Amino acid sequence: MKILAVAACTVGIAHTYMAQEAIEQECKKRGFDVKVETQGGLGIENEIEEDEIEEADFILMAVSVGIEGEERFEEKEEEGKILTVDPSEVIKNPVEVIDRLISL
C-alpha cells in the first residue's frame, strides 16, 4: 500500500516534524510505502510529485493551516481517498489515524 501525507502546523516547527515522524513510523510498522511532505518553517521539504499522487492509495493531511499546492490533491479528494486531521491527533494516536485512513 502506498500512503502519502502532508504535515503542516501553525508555527511550522515542532508539530509538523513530530507528525511526519509518527506517520512514517506507523506506516513502516505496517509495511506500507510512505512519503511525507512537510510544509514548515523551512518551507516545503520532500515535495510530493504529481505521479506519486496518481499512484497513491491514500493521502493523509495532518495539517492545521492552509498548505501550498493543495489543488494537487483534488482528484484524490473527489475519490474519497483523503483524510484530514490535526497534526496533534496523529502525534497522539498514529495507529487510530492510519486505521481511519485505510478504511476510507
C-alpha atoms as a PDB file:
ATOM      1  CA  MET A   1       0.000   0.000   0.000  1.00  0.00           C
ATOM      2  CA  LYS A   2       1.269   3.472  -0.839  1.00  0.00           C
ATOM      3  CA  ILE A   3       0.469   6.300   1.580  1.00  0.00           C
ATOM      4  CA  LEU A   4       1.289   9.961   1.014  1.00  0.00           C
ATOM      5  CA  ALA A   5       0.981  12.613   3.683  1.00  0.00           C
ATOM      6  CA  VAL A   6       1.383  16.334   4.155  1.00  0.00           C
ATOM      7  CA  ALA A   7       2.274  17.683   7.590  1.00  0.00           C
ATOM      8  CA  ALA A   8       1.926  21.383   8.444  1.00  0.00           C
ATOM      9  CA  CYS A   9       1.203  23.195  11.711  1.00  0.00           C
ATOM     10  CA  THR A  10       0.528  26.809  12.556  1.00  0.00           C
ATOM     11  CA  VAL A  11       4.058  27.627  13.700  1.00  0.00           C
ATOM     12  CA  GLY A  12       5.699  25.238  11.246  1.00  0.00           C
ATOM     13  CA  ILE A  13       8.196  23.760  13.628  1.00  0.00           C
ATOM     14  CA  ALA A  14       7.603  21.064  16.231  1.00  0.00           C
ATOM     15  CA  HIS A  15       4.231  19.537  15.363  1.00  0.00           C
ATOM     16  CA  THR A  16       4.993  19.430  11.632  1.00  0.00           C
ATOM     17  CA  TYR A  17       8.029  17.233  12.132  1.00  0.00           C
ATOM     18  CA  MET A  18       6.583  15.232  15.034  1.00  0.00           C
ATOM     19  CA  ALA A  19       3.586  14.363  12.824  1.00  0.00           C
ATOM     20  CA  GLN A  20       5.942  13.379   9.999  1.00  0.00           C
ATOM     21  CA  GLU A  21       7.821  11.026  12.298  1.00  0.00           C
ATOM     22  CA  ALA A  22       4.638   9.456  13.718  1.00  0.00           C
ATOM     23  CA  ILE A  23       3.209   8.827  10.229  1.00  0.00           C
ATOM     24  CA  GLU A  24       6.449   7.367   8.892  1.00  0.00           C
ATOM     25  CA  GLN A  25       6.943   5.064  11.881  1.00  0.00           C
ATOM     26  CA  GLU A  26       3.379   3.718  11.859  1.00  0.00           C
ATOM     27  CA  CYS A  27       3.341   3.117   8.104  1.00  0.00           C
ATOM     28  CA  LYS A  28       6.722   1.384   8.178  1.00  0.00           C
ATOM     29  CA  LYS A  29       5.492  -0.909  11.003  1.00  0.00           C
ATOM     30  CA  ARG A  30       2.691  -1.958   8.669  1.00  0.00           C
ATOM     31  CA  GLY A  31       4.966  -2.417   5.668  1.00  0.00           C
ATOM     32  CA  PHE A  32       3.413   0.472   3.726  1.00  0.00           C
ATOM     33  CA  ASP A  33       5.337   2.656   1.312  1.00  0.00           C
ATOM     34  CA  VAL A  34       5.159   6.164   2.746  1.00  0.00           C
ATOM     35  CA  LYS A  35       6.267   9.654   1.810  1.00  0.00           C
ATOM     36  CA  VAL A  36       5.588  12.699   3.968  1.00  0.00           C
ATOM     37  CA  GLU A  37       5.849  16.225   2.612  1.00  0.00           C
ATOM     38  CA  THR A  38       6.433  18.841   5.281  1.00  0.00           C
ATOM     39  CA  GLN A  39       5.430  22.452   4.981  1.00  0.00           C
ATOM     40  CA  GLY A  40       7.130  24.010   7.953  1.00  0.00           C
ATOM     41  CA  GLY A  41       9.398  26.815   8.949  1.00  0.00           C
ATOM     42  CA  LEU A  42      11.952  25.692   6.366  1.00  0.00           C
ATOM     43  CA  GLY A  43       9.407  25.775   3.529  1.00  0.00           C
ATOM     44  CA  ILE A  44       8.332  22.706   1.561  1.00  0.00           C
ATOM     45  CA  GLU A  45      10.543  19.670   2.073  1.00  0.00           C
ATOM     46  CA  ASN A  46      10.230  16.229   0.485  1.00  0.00           C
ATOM     47  CA  GLU A  47       7.710  17.613  -2.016  1.00  0.00           C
ATOM     48  CA  ILE A  48       5.133  15.175  -3.387  1.00  0.00           C
ATOM     49  CA  GLU A  49       5.067  14.972  -7.187  1.00  0.00           C
ATOM     50  CA  GLU A  50       2.017  14.534  -9.445  1.00  0.00           C
ATOM     51  CA  ASP A  51       2.951  10.988 -10.473  1.00  0.00           C
ATOM     52  CA  GLU A  52       3.256   9.968  -6.823  1.00  0.00           C
ATOM     53  CA  ILE A  53      -0.242  11.302  -6.151  1.00  0.00           C
ATOM     54  CA  GLU A  54      -1.642   9.266  -9.037  1.00  0.00           C
ATOM     55  CA  GLU A  55      -0.020   6.089  -7.674  1.00  0.00           C
ATOM     56  CA  ALA A  56      -1.062   6.636  -4.043  1.00  0.00           C
ATOM     57  CA  ASP A  57      -3.754   4.554  -2.390  1.00  0.00           C
ATOM     58  CA  PHE A  58      -4.499   7.159   0.302  1.00  0.00           C
ATOM     59  CA  ILE A  59      -3.413  10.632   1.334  1.00  0.00           C
ATOM     60  CA  LEU A  60      -3.260  11.866   4.909  1.00  0.00           C
ATOM     61  CA  MET A  61      -3.394  15.603   5.527  1.00  0.00           C
ATOM     62  CA  ALA A  62      -2.001  16.255   9.016  1.00  0.00           C
ATOM     63  CA  VAL A  63      -2.497  19.992   8.780  1.00  0.00           C
ATOM     64  CA  SER A  64      -3.739  22.822  10.968  1.00  0.00           C
ATOM     65  CA  VAL A  65      -3.126  25.567   8.380  1.00  0.00           C
ATOM     66  CA  GLY A  66      -3.688  26.072   4.685  1.00  0.00           C
ATOM     67  CA  ILE A  67      -0.991  24.438   2.555  1.00  0.00           C
ATOM     68  CA  GLU A  68       0.703  25.345  -0.680  1.00  0.00           C
ATOM     69  CA  GLY A  69      -0.273  23.255  -3.695  1.00  0.00           C
ATOM     70  CA  GLU A  70      -3.457  21.850  -2.199  1.00  0.00           C
ATOM     71  CA  GLU A  71      -5.008  21.697  -5.683  1.00  0.00           C
ATOM     72  CA  ARG A  72      -2.633  18.796  -6.500  1.00  0.00           C
ATOM     73  CA  PHE A  73      -4.845  16.544  -4.397  1.00  0.00           C
ATOM     74  CA  GLU A  74      -8.276  17.434  -5.835  1.00  0.00           C
ATOM     75  CA  GLU A  75      -8.701  14.183  -7.754  1.00  0.00           C
ATOM     76  CA  LYS A  76      -7.945  12.034  -4.699  1.00  0.00           C
ATOM     77  CA  GLU A  77     -10.332  14.209  -2.675  1.00  0.00           C
ATOM     78  CA  GLU A  78     -13.096  13.514  -5.211  1.00  0.00           C
ATOM     79  CA  GLU A  79     -12.327   9.789  -4.936  1.00  0.00           C
ATOM     80  CA  GLY A  80     -12.741   9.978  -1.142  1.00  0.00           C
ATOM     81  CA  LYS A  81      -9.126   8.919  -0.562  1.00  0.00           C
ATOM     82  CA  ILE A  82      -8.044  11.799   1.698  1.00  0.00           C
ATOM     83  CA  LEU A  83      -8.293  12.059   5.469  1.00  0.00           C
ATOM     84  CA  THR A  84      -7.593  15.414   7.122  1.00  0.00           C
ATOM     85  CA  VAL A  85      -6.636  15.559  10.797  1.00  0.00           C
ATOM     86  CA  ASP A  86      -4.854  17.973  13.090  1.00  0.00           C
ATOM     87  CA  PRO A  87      -1.133  17.174  13.435  1.00  0.00           C
ATOM     88  CA  SER A  88      -1.553  16.696  17.191  1.00  0.00           C
ATOM     89  CA  GLU A  89      -4.082  13.907  16.549  1.00  0.00           C
ATOM     90  CA  VAL A  90      -1.634  11.830  14.510  1.00  0.00           C
ATOM     91  CA  ILE A  91       1.154  12.502  17.036  1.00  0.00           C
ATOM     92  CA  LYS A  92      -1.015  11.253  19.926  1.00  0.00           C
ATOM     93  CA  ASN A  93      -2.641   8.319  18.171  1.00  0.00           C
ATOM     94  CA  PRO A  94      -0.998   7.302  14.880  1.00  0.00           C
ATOM     95  CA  VAL A  95      -2.473   3.790  14.965  1.00  0.00           C
ATOM     96  CA  GLU A  96      -6.052   5.078  15.050  1.00  0.00           C
ATOM     97  CA  VAL A  97      -5.430   7.717  12.384  1.00  0.00           C
ATOM     98  CA  ILE A  98      -3.837   5.268   9.951  1.00  0.00           C
ATOM     99  CA  ASP A  99      -6.668   2.767  10.622  1.00  0.00           C
ATOM    100  CA  ARG A 100      -9.202   5.500   9.766  1.00  0.00           C
ATOM    101  CA  LEU A 101      -7.261   6.427   6.645  1.00  0.00           C
ATOM    102  CA  ILE A 102      -7.096   2.921   5.182  1.00  0.00           C
ATOM    103  CA  SER A 103     -10.774   2.291   5.945  1.00  0.00           C
ATOM    104  CA  LEU A 104     -11.882   5.125   3.623  1.00  0.00           C
END
